[in-house]
Amino acid sequence: MSALAAVTVDFIAQPGQRFVTDANGAPLREGTVQVGTFAVGFDPTVAGLTKEQLQSAWTEFGRTEIRAIAGQNGRFSDSKSGDGTGLSGHRIYWWITSSGGEAYAVFSSDDSHWRIPTEGTPPPANATLTSSNEVNQVIGEGTIKPDTLQLDGFIGSSPYDAWVNTEFPPGADVSLTGPTVDADADGWSNAFEFLMGTGPLGRGEYPVLEIVARGATTELTFPKGATAITGDFSYQFSDDMIDWKTAVPAKVEISDANQTLKATFSKASAGRARFYRIVPNL
């Protein structure tokens, strides 16, 4: 049998399969997946190897970008070919990095087809299909979970993205999880559910907002989600509920063990009604 020339590896993490996340468990919006193997005689599982040592022994066949597939982030699907000369039988690896390259993990599987195929191996000759659901080995800063491949060294998601990952099923479509979507049709968008600490899939949960006139000021008090910050909220006022203008609070306070936010505004002129509303900054 002659030496291998081109080797083709299909690598997929499609909807219904494990997807890639950051350290918070939120699906990666951007990143890179390299497919390849390590040099003859090099054991990447030896304890204490640095990223640079792994890179020096790495042979890449090709790469693709992590992206959204069918509206679901953290996915990829591609096919790449490389030179398999002298590498017949070597294990195939996925080298996954975050969008800035600051975090990485190398994933593989002990399944027999995660090997550089010998000539004549179907389908077709010198080609093999590798899937994220088959991954059971990891090197570097990564964790294999039932539904995800996690980059432990990368926290790239916003608090909202991390909240989505907690409150929605793994890999939920953006048409359900987007901040402007009302996932449970209760009249409150996902953004407001996040800001107020209510469940986006728990129809019937309504936050209690309180407005009190106190001397020369008006106080607007409402519940705050655990990871929401004061900068996530902006405010508007109107004297007729038609023309809305930006309202800048004189003071913002957080109380009740980070569960309540109170915004204080200058009081309207005597005899005039004033309405306030909260606007998400997401």
Foldseek 3Di string as FASTA:
>chain_A
DDFFFKAKEKEWQAPVAAFEEEQLQFFAAKWKKWKWFFAPPDDLPDPPDDPVNRVVGTDTQDMDMFHDDPQFGRIDTDMGMGTCGPFFFTFMWIWIAHRVRPFIKIWGAPPRQRGQHDACDDPVGNYGYHYRCRTDDMDGQWDDDNRYIYGNVDDDDDPLSSVLSVQDDPRDGCCQRPQQPQNCPQPHGSLVCQQQVHHSNDRPDDWDWDWDDDVQKIKIKTWGHQRDDPVQKWKWKDQVVPDIDGFDFPDWDADDNRTMIMGMGGDDPPPTDMDMDIDTPD
